[in-house]
């Protein structure tokens, strides 16, 4: 397909969506994209940032450091977790099946994707913001997106009931999966969208470290 040139009248986030799909996004989508990029831009010393800095510590080039960050980010226990969360919501299929599905996973000592964090032992503050946009987009789009959001809400409720006392709550990936999917991104593309924001954080950390 022909490359779409950016429109100087649009914001960075609006152009991101416009250049992908060829249509100017509505206000909710452009705001959701903007918030998503901001929330994913940096998050202290996470796995991908650490991987970038390990490569930078050898005085390798910046590009190699970023490739290391991407390689760590796409793992299902890091930036690939939102893909896994969406797959879980789709596998459940309807809000009525959530309770049995989650209890079955917990009884088999399986992970609830999108739950838990190495640092946060409470509700991830980024997830609270993304939930608001996931709801707005689901109500706007309807259909499959709305059903997936209803499933996610039910998973959140039951997951917190059983895992909350252990300090395990929804993380950034839980509702970002709904937001990304609502914006038209295919699940395989989720880590790339995440990386398009986090690359700024990686570069900032590398520049600070080398200095």
N, C-alpha and C. Protein backbone atom coordinates (compact mmCIF):
# COMPACT_ATOMS: atom_id res chain seq x y z
N UNK A 1 0.84 -1.20 0.00
CA UNK A 1 0.00 0.00 0.00
C UNK A 1 0.87 1.25 0.00
N UNK A 2 0.35 2.32 -0.57
CA UNK A 2 1.10 3.57 -0.61
C UNK A 2 1.32 4.12 0.78
N UNK A 3 2.50 4.70 1.00
CA UNK A 3 2.81 5.34 2.29
C UNK A 3 2.01 6.63 2.38
N UNK A 4 1.37 6.83 3.53
CA UNK A 4 0.58 8.05 3.76
C UNK A 4 1.47 9.07 4.46
N UNK A 5 1.60 10.24 3.88
CA UNK A 5 2.41 11.29 4.48
C UNK A 5 1.68 11.88 5.69
N UNK A 6 2.42 12.27 6.73
CA UNK A 6 1.77 12.88 7.90
C UNK A 6 1.12 14.21 7.55
N UNK A 7 0.05 14.51 8.24
CA UNK A 7 -0.66 15.78 8.06
C UNK A 7 -0.19 16.74 9.15
N UNK A 8 0.48 17.84 8.79
CA UNK A 8 1.01 18.77 9.79
C UNK A 8 -0.06 19.38 10.70
N UNK A 9 -1.33 19.29 10.29
CA UNK A 9 -2.41 19.83 11.11
C UNK A 9 -2.80 18.88 12.25
N UNK A 10 -2.35 17.62 12.15
CA UNK A 10 -2.71 16.62 13.16
C UNK A 10 -1.62 16.48 14.21
N UNK A 11 -2.02 16.01 15.39
CA UNK A 11 -1.06 15.76 16.46
C UNK A 11 -0.27 14.48 16.15
N UNK A 12 0.75 14.22 16.96
CA UNK A 12 1.56 13.01 16.78
C UNK A 12 0.68 11.75 16.83
N UNK A 13 -0.19 11.68 17.84
CA UNK A 13 -1.05 10.50 18.01
C UNK A 13 -2.06 10.37 16.88
N UNK A 14 -2.62 11.51 16.46
CA UNK A 14 -3.59 11.48 15.35
C UNK A 14 -2.91 11.01 14.07
N UNK A 15 -1.69 11.49 13.84
CA UNK A 15 -0.95 11.06 12.65
C UNK A 15 -0.59 9.59 12.71
N UNK A 16 -0.28 9.09 13.91
CA UNK A 16 0.03 7.68 14.09
C UNK A 16 -1.09 6.81 13.52
N UNK A 17 -2.33 7.15 13.90
CA UNK A 17 -3.50 6.39 13.43
C UNK A 17 -3.84 6.70 11.96
N UNK A 18 -3.74 7.97 11.59
CA UNK A 18 -4.05 8.40 10.23
C UNK A 18 -3.13 7.71 9.21
N UNK A 19 -1.82 7.66 9.54
CA UNK A 19 -0.85 7.08 8.61
C UNK A 19 -0.98 5.55 8.52
N UNK A 20 -1.56 4.94 9.55
CA UNK A 20 -1.79 3.50 9.52
C UNK A 20 -3.01 3.13 8.69
N UNK A 21 -4.10 3.90 8.87
CA UNK A 21 -5.38 3.50 8.30
C UNK A 21 -5.91 4.39 7.18
N UNK A 22 -5.34 5.59 7.06
CA UNK A 22 -5.78 6.47 5.98
C UNK A 22 -6.99 7.31 6.30
N UNK A 23 -7.56 7.13 7.48
CA UNK A 23 -8.70 7.93 7.92
C UNK A 23 -8.31 8.74 9.15
N UNK A 24 -8.83 9.96 9.23
CA UNK A 24 -8.56 10.77 10.41
C UNK A 24 -9.37 10.21 11.58
N UNK A 25 -8.70 9.90 12.71
CA UNK A 25 -9.40 9.27 13.83
C UNK A 25 -10.37 10.22 14.52
N UNK A 26 -11.41 9.66 15.14
CA UNK A 26 -12.32 10.51 15.91
C UNK A 26 -11.63 10.95 17.21
N UNK A 27 -12.29 11.83 17.93
CA UNK A 27 -11.68 12.44 19.12
C UNK A 27 -11.35 11.41 20.19
N UNK A 28 -12.23 10.43 20.41
CA UNK A 28 -11.99 9.43 21.45
C UNK A 28 -10.77 8.58 21.10
N UNK A 29 -10.68 8.15 19.83
CA UNK A 29 -9.55 7.32 19.43
C UNK A 29 -8.22 8.07 19.50
N UNK A 30 -8.21 9.32 19.04
CA UNK A 30 -6.96 10.08 19.07
C UNK A 30 -6.52 10.35 20.51
N UNK A 31 -7.47 10.62 21.40
CA UNK A 31 -7.14 10.85 22.81
C UNK A 31 -6.65 9.56 23.45
N UNK A 32 -7.31 8.45 23.15
CA UNK A 32 -6.90 7.15 23.69
C UNK A 32 -5.49 6.78 23.23
N UNK A 33 -5.19 7.06 21.96
CA UNK A 33 -3.85 6.79 21.44
C UNK A 33 -2.82 7.65 22.14
N UNK A 34 -3.14 8.90 22.36
CA UNK A 34 -2.24 9.84 23.03
C UNK A 34 -1.94 9.37 24.45
N UNK A 35 -2.98 9.02 25.18
CA UNK A 35 -2.83 8.56 26.57
C UNK A 35 -2.02 7.25 26.62
N UNK A 36 -2.30 6.36 25.67
CA UNK A 36 -1.59 5.09 25.60
C UNK A 36 -0.10 5.29 25.41
N UNK A 37 0.27 6.17 24.48
CA UNK A 37 1.70 6.44 24.24
C UNK A 37 2.36 7.05 25.47
N UNK A 38 1.67 7.96 26.13
CA UNK A 38 2.23 8.61 27.34
C UNK A 38 2.45 7.58 28.45
N UNK A 39 1.45 6.73 28.67
CA UNK A 39 1.55 5.76 29.77
C UNK A 39 2.60 4.68 29.52
N UNK A 40 2.92 4.43 28.24
CA UNK A 40 3.90 3.39 27.92
C UNK A 40 5.31 3.94 27.68
N UNK A 41 5.47 5.25 27.77
CA UNK A 41 6.73 5.86 27.34
C UNK A 41 7.94 5.47 28.20
N UNK A 42 7.71 5.27 29.49
CA UNK A 42 8.81 4.89 30.38
C UNK A 42 8.25 4.30 31.66
N UNK A 43 9.02 3.42 32.28
CA UNK A 43 8.57 2.84 33.55
C UNK A 43 9.76 2.35 34.37
N UNK A 44 10.67 3.27 34.64
CA UNK A 44 11.85 3.00 35.46
C UNK A 44 12.66 1.81 34.93
N UNK A 45 13.20 0.98 35.85
CA UNK A 45 14.14 -0.06 35.45
C UNK A 45 13.44 -1.40 35.21
N UNK A 46 12.60 -1.43 34.16
CA UNK A 46 11.92 -2.67 33.78
C UNK A 46 12.86 -3.56 32.97
N UNK A 47 12.37 -4.74 32.59
CA UNK A 47 13.23 -5.73 31.92
C UNK A 47 13.82 -5.21 30.61
N UNK A 48 13.01 -4.54 29.77
CA UNK A 48 13.52 -4.08 28.47
C UNK A 48 14.51 -2.93 28.62
N UNK A 49 14.24 -2.04 29.58
CA UNK A 49 15.18 -0.94 29.83
C UNK A 49 16.51 -1.49 30.33
N UNK A 50 16.42 -2.46 31.22
CA UNK A 50 17.63 -3.10 31.74
C UNK A 50 18.42 -3.77 30.61
N UNK A 51 17.70 -4.47 29.73
CA UNK A 51 18.36 -5.14 28.60
C UNK A 51 19.07 -4.12 27.71
N UNK A 52 18.41 -2.98 27.47
CA UNK A 52 19.03 -1.92 26.66
C UNK A 52 20.32 -1.41 27.30
N UNK A 53 20.26 -1.24 28.61
CA UNK A 53 21.42 -0.70 29.32
C UNK A 53 22.58 -1.69 29.41
N UNK A 54 22.26 -2.98 29.46
CA UNK A 54 23.33 -3.99 29.46
C UNK A 54 24.13 -3.88 28.17
N UNK A 55 23.42 -3.76 27.04
CA UNK A 55 24.11 -3.63 25.75
C UNK A 55 24.86 -2.30 25.68
N UNK A 56 24.23 -1.23 26.17
CA UNK A 56 24.90 0.08 26.16
C UNK A 56 26.16 0.07 27.01
N UNK A 57 26.16 -0.75 28.07
CA UNK A 57 27.32 -0.79 29.00
C UNK A 57 28.58 -1.33 28.33
N UNK A 58 28.42 -2.03 27.20
CA UNK A 58 29.58 -2.54 26.47
C UNK A 58 30.09 -1.52 25.46
N UNK A 59 29.44 -0.34 25.44
CA UNK A 59 29.71 0.72 24.47
C UNK A 59 29.38 0.29 23.05
N UNK A 60 28.41 -0.61 22.94
CA UNK A 60 27.85 -0.94 21.63
C UNK A 60 27.05 0.27 21.15
N UNK A 61 26.54 0.21 19.94
CA UNK A 61 25.82 1.37 19.39
C UNK A 61 24.38 1.43 19.91
N UNK A 62 23.77 2.59 19.75
CA UNK A 62 22.41 2.84 20.24
C UNK A 62 21.40 1.87 19.61
N UNK A 63 21.55 1.61 18.32
CA UNK A 63 20.58 0.75 17.61
C UNK A 63 20.57 -0.66 18.18
N UNK A 64 21.75 -1.18 18.48
CA UNK A 64 21.83 -2.53 19.08
C UNK A 64 21.19 -2.54 20.46
N UNK A 65 21.37 -1.46 21.20
CA UNK A 65 20.75 -1.36 22.52
C UNK A 65 19.23 -1.39 22.43
N UNK A 66 18.69 -0.68 21.43
CA UNK A 66 17.23 -0.63 21.24
C UNK A 66 16.70 -1.99 20.79
N UNK A 67 17.45 -2.67 19.93
CA UNK A 67 17.04 -4.02 19.50
C UNK A 67 16.95 -4.95 20.71
N UNK A 68 17.89 -4.81 21.64
CA UNK A 68 17.85 -5.63 22.86
C UNK A 68 16.59 -5.32 23.67
N UNK A 69 16.25 -4.04 23.73
CA UNK A 69 15.04 -3.64 24.44
C UNK A 69 13.80 -4.24 23.81
N UNK A 70 13.72 -4.19 22.48
CA UNK A 70 12.58 -4.76 21.76
C UNK A 70 12.50 -6.26 22.00
N UNK A 71 13.65 -6.93 21.97
CA UNK A 71 13.68 -8.38 22.16
C UNK A 71 13.13 -8.78 23.52
N UNK A 72 13.46 -7.99 24.54
CA UNK A 72 12.93 -8.27 25.89
C UNK A 72 11.45 -7.90 25.98
N UNK A 73 11.08 -6.79 25.33
CA UNK A 73 9.71 -6.29 25.42
C UNK A 73 8.69 -7.27 24.84
N UNK A 74 9.06 -7.97 23.77
CA UNK A 74 8.06 -8.81 23.10
C UNK A 74 7.75 -10.10 23.85
N UNK A 75 8.49 -10.38 24.91
CA UNK A 75 8.21 -11.57 25.70
C UNK A 75 6.84 -11.52 26.37
N UNK A 76 6.17 -12.67 26.50
CA UNK A 76 4.81 -12.69 27.10
C UNK A 76 4.75 -12.28 28.57
N UNK A 77 5.91 -12.22 29.24
CA UNK A 77 5.91 -11.74 30.62
C UNK A 77 6.28 -10.26 30.70
N UNK A 78 6.38 -9.59 29.55
CA UNK A 78 6.66 -8.15 29.54
C UNK A 78 5.67 -7.50 28.58
N UNK A 79 6.11 -6.89 27.52
CA UNK A 79 5.21 -6.16 26.62
C UNK A 79 4.26 -7.04 25.84
N UNK A 80 4.57 -8.34 25.74
CA UNK A 80 3.68 -9.25 25.04
C UNK A 80 2.50 -9.71 25.88
N UNK A 81 2.44 -9.26 27.14
CA UNK A 81 1.40 -9.73 28.06
C UNK A 81 0.01 -9.23 27.67
N UNK A 82 -0.06 -8.04 27.02
CA UNK A 82 -1.39 -7.56 26.62
C UNK A 82 -1.99 -8.43 25.52
N UNK A 83 -1.13 -8.98 24.66
CA UNK A 83 -1.58 -9.93 23.65
C UNK A 83 -2.17 -11.16 24.35
N UNK A 84 -1.46 -11.64 25.38
CA UNK A 84 -1.92 -12.82 26.11
C UNK A 84 -3.24 -12.53 26.83
N UNK A 85 -3.39 -11.31 27.36
CA UNK A 85 -4.64 -10.94 28.04
C UNK A 85 -5.81 -10.96 27.06
N UNK A 86 -5.58 -10.39 25.87
CA UNK A 86 -6.66 -10.37 24.87
C UNK A 86 -7.03 -11.79 24.44
N UNK A 87 -6.02 -12.65 24.26
CA UNK A 87 -6.29 -14.04 23.89
C UNK A 87 -7.14 -14.71 24.97
N UNK A 88 -6.86 -14.39 26.23
CA UNK A 88 -7.64 -14.96 27.34
C UNK A 88 -9.09 -14.49 27.27
N UNK A 89 -9.31 -13.19 27.04
CA UNK A 89 -10.68 -12.67 26.95
C UNK A 89 -11.44 -13.34 25.81
N UNK A 90 -10.75 -13.53 24.68
CA UNK A 90 -11.41 -14.16 23.52
C UNK A 90 -11.71 -15.62 23.80
N UNK A 91 -10.80 -16.27 24.49
CA UNK A 91 -10.98 -17.68 24.82
C UNK A 91 -12.18 -17.87 25.75
N UNK A 92 -12.37 -16.96 26.68
CA UNK A 92 -13.51 -17.03 27.61
C UNK A 92 -14.82 -16.90 26.83
N UNK A 93 -14.90 -15.93 25.93
CA UNK A 93 -16.03 -15.84 25.02
C UNK A 93 -17.23 -15.03 25.46
N UNK A 94 -17.61 -15.12 26.73
CA UNK A 94 -18.77 -14.36 27.22
C UNK A 94 -18.62 -14.12 28.72
N UNK A 95 -19.23 -13.03 29.23
CA UNK A 95 -19.11 -12.71 30.66
C UNK A 95 -19.60 -13.83 31.57
N UNK A 96 -20.58 -14.61 31.10
CA UNK A 96 -21.16 -15.68 31.92
C UNK A 96 -20.17 -16.82 32.19
N UNK A 97 -19.15 -16.93 31.34
CA UNK A 97 -18.19 -18.03 31.49
C UNK A 97 -16.96 -17.64 32.31
N UNK A 98 -16.88 -16.39 32.70
CA UNK A 98 -15.68 -15.89 33.37
C UNK A 98 -15.40 -16.60 34.69
N UNK A 99 -16.41 -16.71 35.53
CA UNK A 99 -16.21 -17.27 36.87
C UNK A 99 -15.58 -18.67 36.82
N UNK A 100 -16.18 -19.55 36.03
CA UNK A 100 -15.66 -20.93 35.93
C UNK A 100 -14.27 -20.95 35.32
N UNK A 101 -14.04 -20.11 34.30
CA UNK A 101 -12.74 -20.07 33.63
C UNK A 101 -11.64 -19.65 34.60
N UNK A 102 -11.88 -18.57 35.34
CA UNK A 102 -10.85 -18.05 36.25
C UNK A 102 -10.60 -19.02 37.41
N UNK A 103 -11.66 -19.55 37.99
CA UNK A 103 -11.49 -20.50 39.10
C UNK A 103 -10.74 -21.75 38.63
N UNK A 104 -11.00 -22.18 37.40
CA UNK A 104 -10.29 -23.33 36.85
C UNK A 104 -8.80 -23.05 36.70
N UNK A 105 -8.47 -21.84 36.18
CA UNK A 105 -7.06 -21.47 36.03
C UNK A 105 -6.37 -21.38 37.38
N UNK A 106 -7.04 -20.79 38.34
CA UNK A 106 -6.44 -20.64 39.66
C UNK A 106 -6.23 -21.99 40.33
N UNK A 107 -7.19 -22.89 40.18
CA UNK A 107 -7.06 -24.21 40.79
C UNK A 107 -5.93 -25.02 40.16
N UNK A 108 -5.62 -24.71 38.88
CA UNK A 108 -4.51 -25.38 38.19
C UNK A 108 -3.20 -24.60 38.28
N UNK A 109 -3.20 -23.57 39.15
CA UNK A 109 -2.01 -22.73 39.38
C UNK A 109 -1.49 -22.10 38.09
N UNK A 110 -2.44 -21.65 37.24
CA UNK A 110 -2.08 -20.95 36.01
C UNK A 110 -2.22 -19.45 36.21
N UNK A 111 -1.46 -18.70 35.43
CA UNK A 111 -1.50 -17.24 35.53
C UNK A 111 -2.81 -16.68 35.00
N UNK A 112 -3.23 -15.55 35.58
CA UNK A 112 -4.29 -14.73 35.00
C UNK A 112 -3.56 -13.61 34.29
N UNK A 113 -3.52 -13.65 32.97
CA UNK A 113 -2.72 -12.69 32.21
C UNK A 113 -3.25 -11.27 32.41
N UNK A 114 -2.30 -10.33 32.60
CA UNK A 114 -2.68 -8.95 32.87
C UNK A 114 -2.82 -8.67 34.35
N UNK A 115 -2.53 -9.68 35.18
CA UNK A 115 -2.56 -9.51 36.64
C UNK A 115 -1.15 -9.66 37.19
N UNK A 116 -0.83 -8.83 38.19
CA UNK A 116 0.44 -8.95 38.89
C UNK A 116 1.52 -8.07 38.30
N UNK A 117 2.45 -7.66 39.16
CA UNK A 117 3.54 -6.79 38.74
C UNK A 117 4.71 -6.96 39.71
N UNK A 118 5.92 -6.81 39.17
CA UNK A 118 7.13 -6.96 40.00
C UNK A 118 7.24 -5.88 41.06
N UNK A 119 6.69 -4.71 40.77
CA UNK A 119 6.82 -3.58 41.68
C UNK A 119 5.52 -3.31 42.43
N UNK A 120 4.42 -3.15 41.68
CA UNK A 120 3.14 -2.80 42.30
C UNK A 120 2.52 -3.98 43.04
N UNK A 121 2.17 -3.76 44.30
CA UNK A 121 1.43 -4.76 45.07
C UNK A 121 0.01 -4.23 45.32
N UNK A 122 -0.36 -3.29 44.50
CA UNK A 122 -1.70 -2.73 44.51
C UNK A 122 -2.10 -2.52 43.05
N UNK A 123 -3.25 -1.92 42.81
CA UNK A 123 -3.74 -1.72 41.45
C UNK A 123 -2.79 -0.80 40.68
N UNK A 124 -2.30 -1.24 39.54
CA UNK A 124 -1.39 -0.45 38.71
C UNK A 124 -2.09 0.87 38.33
N UNK A 125 -1.52 2.01 38.69
CA UNK A 125 -2.18 3.30 38.38
C UNK A 125 -2.41 3.51 36.89
N UNK A 126 -1.56 2.94 36.05
CA UNK A 126 -1.74 3.06 34.60
C UNK A 126 -2.99 2.31 34.14
N UNK A 127 -3.25 1.18 34.81
CA UNK A 127 -4.43 0.38 34.45
C UNK A 127 -5.73 1.12 34.76
N UNK A 128 -5.73 1.92 35.84
CA UNK A 128 -6.93 2.69 36.20
C UNK A 128 -7.29 3.67 35.08
N UNK A 129 -6.27 4.30 34.51
CA UNK A 129 -6.50 5.27 33.43
C UNK A 129 -6.94 4.56 32.16
N UNK A 130 -6.26 3.48 31.82
CA UNK A 130 -6.59 2.76 30.59
C UNK A 130 -7.97 2.12 30.65
N UNK A 131 -8.42 1.75 31.85
CA UNK A 131 -9.77 1.19 31.99
C UNK A 131 -10.82 2.21 31.53
N UNK A 132 -10.62 3.47 31.88
CA UNK A 132 -11.56 4.52 31.49
C UNK A 132 -11.68 4.60 29.96
N UNK A 133 -10.51 4.53 29.28
CA UNK A 133 -10.52 4.64 27.83
C UNK A 133 -11.01 3.36 27.17
N UNK A 134 -10.73 2.23 27.78
CA UNK A 134 -11.25 0.96 27.26
C UNK A 134 -12.78 0.99 27.28
N UNK A 135 -13.34 1.53 28.35
CA UNK A 135 -14.81 1.61 28.48
C UNK A 135 -15.38 2.56 27.43
N UNK A 136 -14.76 3.74 27.28
CA UNK A 136 -15.24 4.72 26.28
C UNK A 136 -15.21 4.14 24.88
N UNK A 137 -14.12 3.47 24.54
CA UNK A 137 -13.98 2.88 23.21
C UNK A 137 -14.96 1.73 22.99
N UNK A 138 -15.16 0.92 24.04
CA UNK A 138 -16.09 -0.21 23.94
C UNK A 138 -17.51 0.28 23.71
N UNK A 139 -17.89 1.33 24.43
CA UNK A 139 -19.24 1.87 24.28
C UNK A 139 -19.42 2.51 22.89
N UNK A 140 -18.35 3.09 22.38
CA UNK A 140 -18.40 3.73 21.06
C UNK A 140 -18.44 2.68 19.94
N UNK A 141 -17.62 1.63 20.06
CA UNK A 141 -17.49 0.63 19.01
C UNK A 141 -18.58 -0.42 19.06
N UNK A 142 -18.99 -0.82 20.28
CA UNK A 142 -20.01 -1.86 20.43
C UNK A 142 -19.51 -3.22 19.96
N UNK A 143 -20.42 -4.13 19.66
CA UNK A 143 -20.08 -5.44 19.10
C UNK A 143 -19.08 -6.23 19.91
N UNK A 144 -18.08 -6.80 19.22
CA UNK A 144 -17.07 -7.65 19.86
C UNK A 144 -16.29 -6.89 20.92
N UNK A 145 -15.95 -5.63 20.63
CA UNK A 145 -15.16 -4.83 21.56
C UNK A 145 -15.90 -4.67 22.89
N UNK A 146 -17.20 -4.40 22.81
CA UNK A 146 -17.98 -4.22 24.03
C UNK A 146 -18.06 -5.52 24.83
N UNK A 147 -18.21 -6.64 24.13
CA UNK A 147 -18.25 -7.94 24.81
C UNK A 147 -16.92 -8.23 25.50
N UNK A 148 -15.82 -7.95 24.81
CA UNK A 148 -14.50 -8.17 25.39
C UNK A 148 -14.29 -7.30 26.63
N UNK A 149 -14.81 -6.06 26.57
CA UNK A 149 -14.69 -5.19 27.74
C UNK A 149 -15.50 -5.74 28.91
N UNK A 150 -16.70 -6.23 28.64
CA UNK A 150 -17.52 -6.81 29.70
C UNK A 150 -16.84 -8.03 30.34
N UNK A 151 -16.20 -8.84 29.49
CA UNK A 151 -15.45 -10.00 29.99
C UNK A 151 -14.29 -9.53 30.87
N UNK A 152 -13.57 -8.51 30.38
CA UNK A 152 -12.43 -7.98 31.14
C UNK A 152 -12.86 -7.46 32.51
N UNK A 153 -13.98 -6.75 32.55
CA UNK A 153 -14.49 -6.24 33.83
C UNK A 153 -14.80 -7.37 34.79
N UNK A 154 -15.37 -8.45 34.27
CA UNK A 154 -15.73 -9.59 35.12
C UNK A 154 -14.47 -10.31 35.60
N UNK A 155 -13.49 -10.45 34.72
CA UNK A 155 -12.21 -11.05 35.10
C UNK A 155 -11.54 -10.22 36.19
N UNK A 156 -11.60 -8.91 36.01
CA UNK A 156 -11.03 -7.98 37.00
C UNK A 156 -11.69 -8.20 38.36
N UNK A 157 -13.00 -8.25 38.38
CA UNK A 157 -13.75 -8.40 39.63
C UNK A 157 -13.40 -9.71 40.35
N UNK A 158 -13.43 -10.82 39.62
CA UNK A 158 -13.16 -12.12 40.23
C UNK A 158 -11.67 -12.27 40.58
N UNK A 159 -10.81 -11.77 39.69
CA UNK A 159 -9.38 -11.83 39.93
C UNK A 159 -8.98 -11.09 41.19
N UNK A 160 -9.51 -9.90 41.38
CA UNK A 160 -9.20 -9.11 42.58
C UNK A 160 -9.72 -9.81 43.83
N UNK A 161 -10.88 -10.44 43.73
CA UNK A 161 -11.46 -11.15 44.87
C UNK A 161 -10.52 -12.22 45.39
N UNK A 162 -9.92 -12.98 44.47
CA UNK A 162 -9.07 -14.10 44.88
C UNK A 162 -7.59 -13.77 44.96
N UNK A 163 -7.12 -12.84 44.14
CA UNK A 163 -5.69 -12.53 44.09
C UNK A 163 -5.32 -11.24 44.82
N UNK A 164 -6.30 -10.33 44.97
CA UNK A 164 -6.04 -9.06 45.64
C UNK A 164 -5.41 -9.23 47.02
N UNK A 165 -5.92 -10.16 47.87
CA UNK A 165 -5.32 -10.35 49.20
C UNK A 165 -3.84 -10.74 49.14
N UNK A 166 -3.38 -11.23 47.98
CA UNK A 166 -1.97 -11.61 47.82
C UNK A 166 -1.15 -10.47 47.20
N UNK A 167 -1.80 -9.32 47.01
CA UNK A 167 -1.11 -8.18 46.40
C UNK A 167 -0.99 -8.30 44.89
N UNK A 168 -1.90 -9.06 44.26
CA UNK A 168 -1.88 -9.24 42.80
C UNK A 168 -3.12 -8.59 42.21
N UNK A 169 -2.90 -7.55 41.40
CA UNK A 169 -3.98 -6.75 40.83
C UNK A 169 -3.75 -6.55 39.33
N UNK A 170 -4.73 -5.99 38.60
CA UNK A 170 -4.52 -5.71 37.18
C UNK A 170 -3.33 -4.77 36.96
N UNK A 171 -2.56 -5.07 35.90
CA UNK A 171 -1.44 -4.21 35.53
C UNK A 171 -1.75 -3.49 34.21
N UNK A 172 -0.78 -2.78 33.70
CA UNK A 172 -0.99 -1.94 32.51
C UNK A 172 -1.49 -2.74 31.30
N UNK A 173 -1.08 -4.02 31.23
CA UNK A 173 -1.42 -4.83 30.06
C UNK A 173 -2.88 -5.25 30.02
N UNK A 174 -3.53 -5.28 31.18
CA UNK A 174 -4.88 -5.82 31.27
C UNK A 174 -5.86 -5.04 30.38
N UNK A 175 -5.96 -3.73 30.60
CA UNK A 175 -6.90 -2.94 29.80
C UNK A 175 -6.27 -2.36 28.54
N UNK A 176 -4.92 -2.31 28.48
CA UNK A 176 -4.31 -1.82 27.24
C UNK A 176 -4.63 -2.76 26.10
N UNK A 177 -4.86 -4.04 26.41
CA UNK A 177 -5.22 -5.01 25.36
C UNK A 177 -6.53 -4.61 24.68
N UNK A 178 -7.51 -4.16 25.47
CA UNK A 178 -8.79 -3.72 24.91
C UNK A 178 -8.62 -2.42 24.12
N UNK A 179 -7.84 -1.50 24.68
CA UNK A 179 -7.60 -0.21 24.02
C UNK A 179 -6.90 -0.43 22.67
N UNK A 180 -5.83 -1.21 22.67
CA UNK A 180 -5.09 -1.47 21.43
C UNK A 180 -6.00 -2.09 20.37
N UNK A 181 -6.77 -3.08 20.79
CA UNK A 181 -7.65 -3.79 19.85
C UNK A 181 -8.74 -2.86 19.32
N UNK A 182 -9.26 -2.00 20.19
CA UNK A 182 -10.28 -1.03 19.79
C UNK A 182 -9.75 -0.03 18.77
N UNK A 183 -8.45 0.26 18.85
CA UNK A 183 -7.83 1.21 17.94
C UNK A 183 -7.48 0.57 16.59
N UNK A 184 -7.79 -0.73 16.46
CA UNK A 184 -7.60 -1.39 15.18
C UNK A 184 -6.32 -2.19 15.04
N UNK A 185 -5.52 -2.29 16.13
CA UNK A 185 -4.27 -3.04 16.04
C UNK A 185 -4.53 -4.54 16.19
N UNK A 186 -3.94 -5.32 15.32
CA UNK A 186 -4.01 -6.77 15.46
C UNK A 186 -3.10 -7.19 16.62
N UNK A 187 -3.46 -8.25 17.34
CA UNK A 187 -2.69 -8.66 18.53
C UNK A 187 -1.19 -8.82 18.29
N UNK A 188 -0.81 -9.37 17.11
CA UNK A 188 0.62 -9.55 16.82
C UNK A 188 1.37 -8.21 16.78
N UNK A 189 0.63 -7.14 16.60
CA UNK A 189 1.22 -5.80 16.46
C UNK A 189 1.35 -5.08 17.81
N UNK A 190 0.73 -5.63 18.85
CA UNK A 190 0.72 -4.96 20.17
C UNK A 190 2.13 -4.58 20.66
N UNK A 191 3.10 -5.52 20.67
CA UNK A 191 4.43 -5.14 21.16
C UNK A 191 5.07 -4.00 20.37
N UNK A 192 4.78 -3.94 19.06
CA UNK A 192 5.34 -2.87 18.23
C UNK A 192 4.77 -1.52 18.63
N UNK A 193 3.46 -1.49 18.96
CA UNK A 193 2.85 -0.23 19.40
C UNK A 193 3.44 0.18 20.74
N UNK A 194 3.58 -0.78 21.64
CA UNK A 194 4.20 -0.53 22.95
C UNK A 194 5.61 0.04 22.74
N UNK A 195 6.38 -0.61 21.87
CA UNK A 195 7.77 -0.20 21.62
C UNK A 195 7.86 1.19 21.00
N UNK A 196 6.86 1.57 20.20
CA UNK A 196 6.89 2.88 19.55
C UNK A 196 6.84 4.01 20.58
N UNK A 197 6.30 3.71 21.76
CA UNK A 197 6.31 4.68 22.87
C UNK A 197 7.55 4.48 23.74
N UNK A 198 7.81 3.23 24.14
CA UNK A 198 8.88 2.94 25.10
C UNK A 198 10.27 3.25 24.55
N UNK A 199 10.42 3.29 23.23
CA UNK A 199 11.73 3.60 22.64
C UNK A 199 12.25 4.94 23.15
N UNK A 200 11.35 5.88 23.43
CA UNK A 200 11.76 7.19 23.97
C UNK A 200 12.39 7.01 25.35
N UNK A 201 11.76 6.17 26.16
CA UNK A 201 12.29 5.88 27.49
C UNK A 201 13.63 5.18 27.43
N UNK A 202 13.73 4.18 26.55
CA UNK A 202 15.01 3.47 26.41
C UNK A 202 16.13 4.43 26.04
N UNK A 203 15.88 5.27 25.04
CA UNK A 203 16.91 6.21 24.58
C UNK A 203 17.31 7.17 25.69
N UNK A 204 16.32 7.65 26.44
CA UNK A 204 16.61 8.58 27.55
C UNK A 204 17.50 7.92 28.60
N UNK A 205 17.17 6.68 28.96
CA UNK A 205 17.99 5.95 29.95
C UNK A 205 19.40 5.72 29.43
N UNK A 206 19.51 5.33 28.15
CA UNK A 206 20.84 5.05 27.57
C UNK A 206 21.68 6.33 27.54
N UNK A 207 21.08 7.44 27.11
CA UNK A 207 21.81 8.72 27.05
C UNK A 207 22.30 9.13 28.43
N UNK A 208 21.43 8.98 29.43
CA UNK A 208 21.80 9.32 30.81
C UNK A 208 22.94 8.42 31.29
N UNK A 209 22.82 7.14 30.99
CA UNK A 209 23.81 6.16 31.44
C UNK A 209 25.19 6.41 30.82
N UNK A 210 25.21 6.62 29.52
CA UNK A 210 26.48 6.85 28.81
C UNK A 210 27.15 8.14 29.30
N UNK A 211 26.33 9.16 29.57
CA UNK A 211 26.87 10.43 30.07
C UNK A 211 27.54 10.26 31.41
